[in-house]
């Protein structure tokens, strides 16, 4: 899964609301198995304006990334509401 954002506010908005994010079908999940979610965030240098791209390849100062690991806690999905789409 990959997602790009045009602006910093868009990216921050997306990562601040990860609650109830569906990552698998219920039929694919085993109730007694342990699952770990790994999120990787990185700056895509190719998306920077051209003047910022010049000379940044291989420079550690421009290698901005973060990784988050979390143990998933399986919770049952709420019942479907009749008439809802």
PDB file of N, CA and C in Angstrom:
ATOM      1  N   UNK A   1       0.853  -1.176   0.000  1.00  0.00           N
ATOM      2  CA  UNK A   1       0.000   0.000   0.000  1.00  0.00           C
ATOM      3  C   UNK A   1       0.890   1.226   0.000  1.00  0.00           C
ATOM      4  N   UNK A   2       0.633   2.137  -0.882  1.00  0.00           N
ATOM      5  CA  UNK A   2       1.432   3.346  -1.003  1.00  0.00           C
ATOM      6  C   UNK A   2       0.490   4.526  -1.176  1.00  0.00           C
ATOM      7  N   UNK A   3       0.809   5.631  -0.538  1.00  0.00           N
ATOM      8  CA  UNK A   3      -0.021   6.820  -0.674  1.00  0.00           C
ATOM      9  C   UNK A   3       0.873   8.049  -0.683  1.00  0.00           C
ATOM     10  N   UNK A   4       0.674   8.913  -1.653  1.00  0.00           N
ATOM     11  CA  UNK A   4       1.400  10.180  -1.729  1.00  0.00           C
ATOM     12  C   UNK A   4       0.440  11.318  -1.421  1.00  0.00           C
ATOM     13  N   UNK A   5       0.976  12.394  -0.859  1.00  0.00           N
ATOM     14  CA  UNK A   5       0.174  13.569  -0.532  1.00  0.00           C
ATOM     15  C   UNK A   5       0.831  14.796  -1.125  1.00  0.00           C
ATOM     16  N   UNK A   6       0.035  15.718  -1.599  1.00  0.00           N
ATOM     17  CA  UNK A   6       0.537  16.937  -2.234  1.00  0.00           C
ATOM     18  C   UNK A   6       1.059  17.952  -1.224  1.00  0.00           C
ATOM     19  N   UNK A   7       0.465  17.979  -0.032  1.00  0.00           N
ATOM     20  CA  UNK A   7       0.855  18.987   0.954  1.00  0.00           C
ATOM     21  C   UNK A   7       1.092  18.342   2.314  1.00  0.00           C
ATOM     22  N   UNK A   8       1.850  19.030   3.153  1.00  0.00           N
ATOM     23  CA  UNK A   8       2.092  18.550   4.510  1.00  0.00           C
ATOM     24  C   UNK A   8       0.789  18.450   5.304  1.00  0.00           C
ATOM     25  N   UNK A   9      -0.107  19.442   5.244  1.00  0.00           N
ATOM     26  CA  UNK A   9      -1.370  19.298   5.978  1.00  0.00           C
ATOM     27  C   UNK A   9      -2.169  18.057   5.569  1.00  0.00           C
ATOM     28  N   UNK A  10      -2.167  17.716   4.268  1.00  0.00           N
ATOM     29  CA  UNK A  10      -2.858  16.503   3.820  1.00  0.00           C
ATOM     30  C   UNK A  10      -2.236  15.262   4.447  1.00  0.00           C
ATOM     31  N   UNK A  11      -0.910  15.195   4.444  1.00  0.00           N
ATOM     32  CA  UNK A  11      -0.213  14.031   5.004  1.00  0.00           C
ATOM     33  C   UNK A  11      -0.473  13.912   6.499  1.00  0.00           C
ATOM     34  N   UNK A  12      -0.385  15.021   7.210  1.00  0.00           N
ATOM     35  CA  UNK A  12      -0.626  14.992   8.656  1.00  0.00           C
ATOM     36  C   UNK A  12      -2.060  14.587   8.968  1.00  0.00           C
ATOM     37  N   UNK A  13      -2.992  15.074   8.179  1.00  0.00           N
ATOM     38  CA  UNK A  13      -4.391  14.705   8.382  1.00  0.00           C
ATOM     39  C   UNK A  13      -4.588  13.205   8.221  1.00  0.00           C
ATOM     40  N   UNK A  14      -3.928  12.622   7.239  1.00  0.00           N
ATOM     41  CA  UNK A  14      -4.077  11.184   6.978  1.00  0.00           C
ATOM     42  C   UNK A  14      -3.499  10.331   8.095  1.00  0.00           C
ATOM     43  N   UNK A  15      -2.344  10.702   8.626  1.00  0.00           N
ATOM     44  CA  UNK A  15      -1.723   9.854   9.646  1.00  0.00           C
ATOM     45  C   UNK A  15      -2.285  10.101  11.036  1.00  0.00           C
ATOM     46  N   UNK A  16      -3.056  11.151  11.209  1.00  0.00           N
ATOM     47  CA  UNK A  16      -3.661  11.415  12.509  1.00  0.00           C
ATOM     48  C   UNK A  16      -4.969  10.667  12.696  1.00  0.00           C
ATOM     49  N   UNK A  17      -5.459  10.025  11.663  1.00  0.00           N
ATOM     50  CA  UNK A  17      -6.748   9.333  11.767  1.00  0.00           C
ATOM     51  C   UNK A  17      -6.641   7.884  11.297  1.00  0.00           C
ATOM     52  N   UNK A  18      -5.735   7.149  11.874  1.00  0.00           N
ATOM     53  CA  UNK A  18      -5.560   5.755  11.496  1.00  0.00           C
ATOM     54  C   UNK A  18      -6.495   4.808  12.241  1.00  0.00           C
ATOM     55  N   UNK A  19      -7.285   5.324  13.148  1.00  0.00           N
ATOM     56  CA  UNK A  19      -8.215   4.472  13.885  1.00  0.00           C
ATOM     57  C   UNK A  19      -9.238   3.864  12.935  1.00  0.00           C
ATOM     58  N   UNK A  20      -9.562   2.611  13.175  1.00  0.00           N
ATOM     59  CA  UNK A  20     -10.568   1.885  12.401  1.00  0.00           C
ATOM     60  C   UNK A  20     -10.209   1.784  10.916  1.00  0.00           C
ATOM     61  N   UNK A  21      -8.943   1.707  10.637  1.00  0.00           N
ATOM     62  CA  UNK A  21      -8.457   1.561   9.266  1.00  0.00           C
ATOM     63  C   UNK A  21      -8.496   0.091   8.899  1.00  0.00           C
ATOM     64  N   UNK A  22      -9.260  -0.265   7.907  1.00  0.00           N
ATOM     65  CA  UNK A  22      -9.400  -1.670   7.513  1.00  0.00           C
ATOM     66  C   UNK A  22      -8.164  -2.094   6.726  1.00  0.00           C
ATOM     67  N   UNK A  23      -7.458  -3.100   7.228  1.00  0.00           N
ATOM     68  CA  UNK A  23      -6.242  -3.564   6.562  1.00  0.00           C
ATOM     69  C   UNK A  23      -6.347  -5.002   6.081  1.00  0.00           C
ATOM     70  N   UNK A  24      -7.434  -5.681   6.415  1.00  0.00           N
ATOM     71  CA  UNK A  24      -7.612  -7.067   5.968  1.00  0.00           C
ATOM     72  C   UNK A  24      -9.087  -7.425   6.039  1.00  0.00           C
ATOM     73  N   UNK A  25      -9.451  -8.398   5.246  1.00  0.00           N
ATOM     74  CA  UNK A  25     -10.803  -8.942   5.318  1.00  0.00           C
ATOM     75  C   UNK A  25     -10.885  -9.844   6.548  1.00  0.00           C
ATOM     76  N   UNK A  26     -12.023  -9.886   7.178  1.00  0.00           N
ATOM     77  CA  UNK A  26     -12.202 -10.712   8.375  1.00  0.00           C
ATOM     78  C   UNK A  26     -11.880 -12.176   8.097  1.00  0.00           C
ATOM     79  N   UNK A  27     -12.175 -12.634   6.903  1.00  0.00           N
ATOM     80  CA  UNK A  27     -11.917 -14.038   6.564  1.00  0.00           C
ATOM     81  C   UNK A  27     -10.421 -14.359   6.476  1.00  0.00           C
ATOM     82  N   UNK A  28      -9.582 -13.330   6.355  1.00  0.00           N
ATOM     83  CA  UNK A  28      -8.133 -13.528   6.256  1.00  0.00           C
ATOM     84  C   UNK A  28      -7.440 -13.521   7.617  1.00  0.00           C
ATOM     85  N   UNK A  29      -8.169 -13.199   8.672  1.00  0.00           N
ATOM     86  CA  UNK A  29      -7.578 -13.035  10.001  1.00  0.00           C
ATOM     87  C   UNK A  29      -7.889 -14.248  10.864  1.00  0.00           C
ATOM     88  N   UNK A  30      -6.854 -14.781  11.489  1.00  0.00           N
ATOM     89  CA  UNK A  30      -7.038 -15.888  12.423  1.00  0.00           C
ATOM     90  C   UNK A  30      -7.143 -15.312  13.835  1.00  0.00           C
ATOM     91  N   UNK A  31      -8.179 -15.685  14.558  1.00  0.00           N
ATOM     92  CA  UNK A  31      -8.451 -15.104  15.872  1.00  0.00           C
ATOM     93  C   UNK A  31      -7.319 -15.313  16.869  1.00  0.00           C
ATOM     94  N   UNK A  32      -6.630 -16.440  16.811  1.00  0.00           N
ATOM     95  CA  UNK A  32      -5.598 -16.719  17.809  1.00  0.00           C
ATOM     96  C   UNK A  32      -4.185 -16.376  17.326  1.00  0.00           C
ATOM     97  N   UNK A  33      -4.050 -15.742  16.170  1.00  0.00           N
ATOM     98  CA  UNK A  33      -2.729 -15.383  15.641  1.00  0.00           C
ATOM     99  C   UNK A  33      -2.321 -13.994  16.133  1.00  0.00           C
ATOM    100  N   UNK A  34      -1.009 -13.755  16.186  1.00  0.00           N
ATOM    101  CA  UNK A  34      -0.483 -12.441  16.563  1.00  0.00           C
ATOM    102  C   UNK A  34      -0.109 -11.690  15.288  1.00  0.00           C
ATOM    103  N   UNK A  35      -0.499 -10.434  15.207  1.00  0.00           N
ATOM    104  CA  UNK A  35      -0.217  -9.615  14.031  1.00  0.00           C
ATOM    105  C   UNK A  35       0.494  -8.342  14.452  1.00  0.00           C
ATOM    106  N   UNK A  36       1.438  -7.916  13.644  1.00  0.00           N
ATOM    107  CA  UNK A  36       2.152  -6.666  13.870  1.00  0.00           C
ATOM    108  C   UNK A  36       2.003  -5.799  12.630  1.00  0.00           C
ATOM    109  N   UNK A  37       1.651  -4.556  12.837  1.00  0.00           N
ATOM    110  CA  UNK A  37       1.515  -3.597  11.748  1.00  0.00           C
ATOM    111  C   UNK A  37       2.792  -2.772  11.685  1.00  0.00           C
ATOM    112  N   UNK A  38       3.357  -2.635  10.502  1.00  0.00           N
ATOM    113  CA  UNK A  38       4.560  -1.831  10.303  1.00  0.00           C
ATOM    114  C   UNK A  38       4.228  -0.722   9.310  1.00  0.00           C
ATOM    115  N   UNK A  39       4.385   0.527   9.741  1.00  0.00           N
ATOM    116  CA  UNK A  39       4.167   1.685   8.876  1.00  0.00           C
ATOM    117  C   UNK A  39       5.512   2.342   8.618  1.00  0.00           C
ATOM    118  N   UNK A  40       5.799   2.616   7.368  1.00  0.00           N
ATOM    119  CA  UNK A  40       7.018   3.319   6.994  1.00  0.00           C
ATOM    120  C   UNK A  40       6.641   4.644   6.357  1.00  0.00           C
ATOM    121  N   UNK A  41       7.229   5.701   6.855  1.00  0.00           N
ATOM    122  CA  UNK A  41       7.026   7.025   6.296  1.00  0.00           C
ATOM    123  C   UNK A  41       8.375   7.507   5.787  1.00  0.00           C
ATOM    124  N   UNK A  42       8.400   8.056   4.575  1.00  0.00           N
ATOM    125  CA  UNK A  42       9.652   8.602   4.067  1.00  0.00           C
ATOM    126  C   UNK A  42       9.366   9.766   3.131  1.00  0.00           C
ATOM    127  N   UNK A  43      10.346  10.629   3.022  1.00  0.00           N
ATOM    128  CA  UNK A  43      10.257  11.759   2.111  1.00  0.00           C
ATOM    129  C   UNK A  43      10.628  11.280   0.717  1.00  0.00           C
ATOM    130  N   UNK A  44       9.722  11.427  -0.227  1.00  0.00           N
ATOM    131  CA  UNK A  44       9.970  11.048  -1.614  1.00  0.00           C
ATOM    132  C   UNK A  44      10.630  12.238  -2.307  1.00  0.00           C
ATOM    133  N   UNK A  45      11.952  12.156  -2.466  1.00  0.00           N
ATOM    134  CA  UNK A  45      12.710  13.268  -3.032  1.00  0.00           C
ATOM    135  C   UNK A  45      12.261  13.619  -4.444  1.00  0.00           C
ATOM    136  N   UNK A  46      11.740  12.647  -5.171  1.00  0.00           N
ATOM    137  CA  UNK A  46      11.302  12.922  -6.544  1.00  0.00           C
ATOM    138  C   UNK A  46      10.080  13.840  -6.582  1.00  0.00           C
ATOM    139  N   UNK A  47       9.403  13.995  -5.453  1.00  0.00           N
ATOM    140  CA  UNK A  47       8.230  14.863  -5.397  1.00  0.00           C
ATOM    141  C   UNK A  47       8.574  16.294  -4.995  1.00  0.00           C
ATOM    142  N   UNK A  48       9.836  16.531  -4.629  1.00  0.00           N
ATOM    143  CA  UNK A  48      10.257  17.888  -4.279  1.00  0.00           C
ATOM    144  C   UNK A  48      10.326  18.751  -5.534  1.00  0.00           C
ATOM    145  N   UNK A  49      10.189  20.075  -5.379  1.00  0.00           N
ATOM    146  CA  UNK A  49      10.395  20.954  -6.535  1.00  0.00           C
ATOM    147  C   UNK A  49      11.799  20.729  -7.106  1.00  0.00           C
ATOM    148  N   UNK A  50      11.937  20.863  -8.406  1.00  0.00           N
ATOM    149  CA  UNK A  50      13.193  20.557  -9.104  1.00  0.00           C
ATOM    150  C   UNK A  50      14.431  21.191  -8.447  1.00  0.00           C
ATOM    151  N   UNK A  51      14.404  22.468  -8.040  1.00  0.00           N
ATOM    152  CA  UNK A  51      15.614  23.043  -7.430  1.00  0.00           C
ATOM    153  C   UNK A  51      16.075  22.295  -6.173  1.00  0.00           C
ATOM    154  N   UNK A  52      15.143  21.714  -5.423  1.00  0.00           N
ATOM    155  CA  UNK A  52      15.506  20.963  -4.220  1.00  0.00           C
ATOM    156  C   UNK A  52      16.059  19.580  -4.550  1.00  0.00           C
ATOM    157  N   UNK A  53      15.734  19.059  -5.722  1.00  0.00           N
ATOM    158  CA  UNK A  53      16.203  17.726  -6.111  1.00  0.00           C
ATOM    159  C   UNK A  53      17.674  17.730  -6.522  1.00  0.00           C
ATOM    160  N   UNK A  54      18.153  18.859  -7.005  1.00  0.00           N
ATOM    161  CA  UNK A  54      19.527  18.935  -7.512  1.00  0.00           C
ATOM    162  C   UNK A  54      20.511  18.789  -6.355  1.00  0.00           C
ATOM    163  N   UNK A  55      21.340  17.786  -6.437  1.00  0.00           N
ATOM    164  CA  UNK A  55      22.404  17.594  -5.459  1.00  0.00           C
ATOM    165  C   UNK A  55      22.005  16.921  -4.161  1.00  0.00           C
ATOM    166  N   UNK A  56      20.753  16.472  -4.012  1.00  0.00           N
ATOM    167  CA  UNK A  56      20.354  15.850  -2.747  1.00  0.00           C
ATOM    168  C   UNK A  56      20.532  14.338  -2.750  1.00  0.00           C
ATOM    169  N   UNK A  57      20.730  13.746  -3.918  1.00  0.00           N
ATOM    170  CA  UNK A  57      20.879  12.285  -3.995  1.00  0.00           C
ATOM    171  C   UNK A  57      22.090  11.838  -3.180  1.00  0.00           C
ATOM    172  N   UNK A  58      21.870  10.899  -2.296  1.00  0.00           N
ATOM    173  CA  UNK A  58      22.954  10.346  -1.492  1.00  0.00           C
ATOM    174  C   UNK A  58      23.323  11.161  -0.265  1.00  0.00           C
ATOM    175  N   UNK A  59      22.699  12.293  -0.052  1.00  0.00           N
ATOM    176  CA  UNK A  59      23.009  13.100   1.129  1.00  0.00           C
ATOM    177  C   UNK A  59      22.115  12.663   2.284  1.00  0.00           C
ATOM    178  N   UNK A  60      22.739  12.261   3.379  1.00  0.00           N
ATOM    179  CA  UNK A  60      21.987  11.743   4.529  1.00  0.00           C
ATOM    180  C   UNK A  60      21.027  12.761   5.121  1.00  0.00           C
ATOM    181  N   UNK A  61      21.361  14.040   5.040  1.00  0.00           N
ATOM    182  CA  UNK A  61      20.485  15.071   5.606  1.00  0.00           C
ATOM    183  C   UNK A  61      19.104  15.079   4.952  1.00  0.00           C
ATOM    184  N   UNK A  62      19.017  14.588   3.714  1.00  0.00           N
ATOM    185  CA  UNK A  62      17.757  14.575   2.992  1.00  0.00           C
ATOM    186  C   UNK A  62      17.056  13.233   3.080  1.00  0.00           C
ATOM    187  N   UNK A  63      17.632  12.294   3.771  1.00  0.00           N
ATOM    188  CA  UNK A  63      17.023  10.971   3.918  1.00  0.00           C
ATOM    189  C   UNK A  63      16.150  10.983   5.171  1.00  0.00           C
ATOM    190  N   UNK A  64      14.933  11.420   5.003  1.00  0.00           N
ATOM    191  CA  UNK A  64      14.008  11.560   6.127  1.00  0.00           C
ATOM    192  C   UNK A  64      13.021  10.403   6.082  1.00  0.00           C
ATOM    193  N   UNK A  65      13.018   9.602   7.135  1.00  0.00           N
ATOM    194  CA  UNK A  65      12.087   8.477   7.180  1.00  0.00           C
ATOM    195  C   UNK A  65      11.783   8.122   8.629  1.00  0.00           C
ATOM    196  N   UNK A  66      10.709   7.413   8.813  1.00  0.00           N
ATOM    197  CA  UNK A  66      10.314   6.945  10.145  1.00  0.00           C
ATOM    198  C   UNK A  66       9.601   5.614   9.990  1.00  0.00           C
ATOM    199  N   UNK A  67       9.737   4.772  10.990  1.00  0.00           N
ATOM    200  CA  UNK A  67       9.049   3.484  10.985  1.00  0.00           C
ATOM    201  C   UNK A  67       8.341   3.320  12.316  1.00  0.00           C
ATOM    202  N   UNK A  68       7.124   2.861  12.256  1.00  0.00           N
ATOM    203  CA  UNK A  68       6.328   2.619  13.456  1.00  0.00           C
ATOM    204  C   UNK A  68       5.875   1.168  13.428  1.00  0.00           C
ATOM    205  N   UNK A  69       6.078   0.466  14.528  1.00  0.00           N
ATOM    206  CA  UNK A  69       5.607  -0.916  14.657  1.00  0.00           C
ATOM    207  C   UNK A  69       4.630  -0.970  15.826  1.00  0.00           C
ATOM    208  N   UNK A  70       3.546  -1.674  15.610  1.00  0.00           N
ATOM    209  CA  UNK A  70       2.550  -1.786  16.675  1.00  0.00           C
ATOM    210  C   UNK A  70       1.889  -3.152  16.597  1.00  0.00           C
ATOM    211  N   UNK A  71       1.674  -3.734  17.740  1.00  0.00           N
ATOM    212  CA  UNK A  71       0.952  -5.008  17.826  1.00  0.00           C
ATOM    213  C   UNK A  71      -0.521  -4.733  17.605  1.00  0.00           C
ATOM    214  N   UNK A  72      -1.130  -5.437  16.716  1.00  0.00           N
ATOM    215  CA  UNK A  72      -2.549  -5.213  16.441  1.00  0.00           C
ATOM    216  C   UNK A  72      -3.416  -5.880  17.493  1.00  0.00           C
ATOM    217  N   UNK A  73      -4.439  -5.162  17.899  1.00  0.00           N
ATOM    218  CA  UNK A  73      -5.433  -5.699  18.812  1.00  0.00           C
ATOM    219  C   UNK A  73      -6.698  -5.910  17.995  1.00  0.00           C
ATOM    220  N   UNK A  74      -7.073  -7.154  17.846  1.00  0.00           N
ATOM    221  CA  UNK A  74      -8.241  -7.469  17.029  1.00  0.00           C
ATOM    222  C   UNK A  74      -9.517  -7.170  17.800  1.00  0.00           C
ATOM    223  N   UNK A  75     -10.386  -6.400  17.189  1.00  0.00           N
ATOM    224  CA  UNK A  75     -11.678  -6.086  17.791  1.00  0.00           C
ATOM    225  C   UNK A  75     -12.757  -6.401  16.762  1.00  0.00           C
ATOM    226  N   UNK A  76     -13.888  -6.889  17.217  1.00  0.00           N
ATOM    227  CA  UNK A  76     -14.959  -7.195  16.271  1.00  0.00           C
ATOM    228  C   UNK A  76     -15.475  -5.919  15.611  1.00  0.00           C
ATOM    229  N   UNK A  77     -15.854  -6.038  14.365  1.00  0.00           N
ATOM    230  CA  UNK A  77     -16.421  -4.895  13.649  1.00  0.00           C
ATOM    231  C   UNK A  77     -17.797  -4.592  14.219  1.00  0.00           C
ATOM    232  N   UNK A  78     -18.177  -3.315  14.257  1.00  0.00           N
ATOM    233  CA  UNK A  78     -19.517  -2.982  14.735  1.00  0.00           C
ATOM    234  C   UNK A  78     -20.555  -3.554  13.776  1.00  0.00           C
ATOM    235  N   UNK A  79     -21.735  -3.894  14.288  1.00  0.00           N
ATOM    236  CA  UNK A  79     -22.775  -4.447  13.410  1.00  0.00           C
ATOM    237  C   UNK A  79     -23.186  -3.420  12.359  1.00  0.00           C
ATOM    238  N   UNK A  80     -23.530  -3.916  11.192  1.00  0.00           N
ATOM    239  CA  UNK A  80     -23.964  -3.033  10.105  1.00  0.00           C
ATOM    240  C   UNK A  80     -25.300  -2.403  10.467  1.00  0.00           C
ATOM    241  N   UNK A  81     -25.456  -1.155  10.110  1.00  0.00           N
ATOM    242  CA  UNK A  81     -26.699  -0.434  10.363  1.00  0.00           C
ATOM    243  C   UNK A  81     -27.599  -0.618   9.151  1.00  0.00           C
ATOM    244  N   UNK A  82     -28.845  -1.012   9.388  1.00  0.00           N
ATOM    245  CA  UNK A  82     -29.776  -1.225   8.282  1.00  0.00           C
ATOM    246  C   UNK A  82     -30.017   0.088   7.551  1.00  0.00           C
ATOM    247  N   UNK A  83     -30.033   0.003   6.227  1.00  0.00           N
ATOM    248  CA  UNK A  83     -30.280   1.191   5.420  1.00  0.00           C
ATOM    249  C   UNK A  83     -29.026   1.996   5.139  1.00  0.00           C
ATOM    250  N   UNK A  84     -27.908   1.666   5.784  1.00  0.00           N
ATOM    251  CA  UNK A  84     -26.658   2.397   5.533  1.00  0.00           C
ATOM    252  C   UNK A  84     -25.976   1.813   4.313  1.00  0.00           C
ATOM    253  N   UNK A  85     -25.281   2.646   3.588  1.00  0.00           N
ATOM    254  CA  UNK A  85     -24.546   2.177   2.412  1.00  0.00           C
ATOM    255  C   UNK A  85     -23.121   1.918   2.755  1.00  0.00           C
TER     256      UNK A  85
END
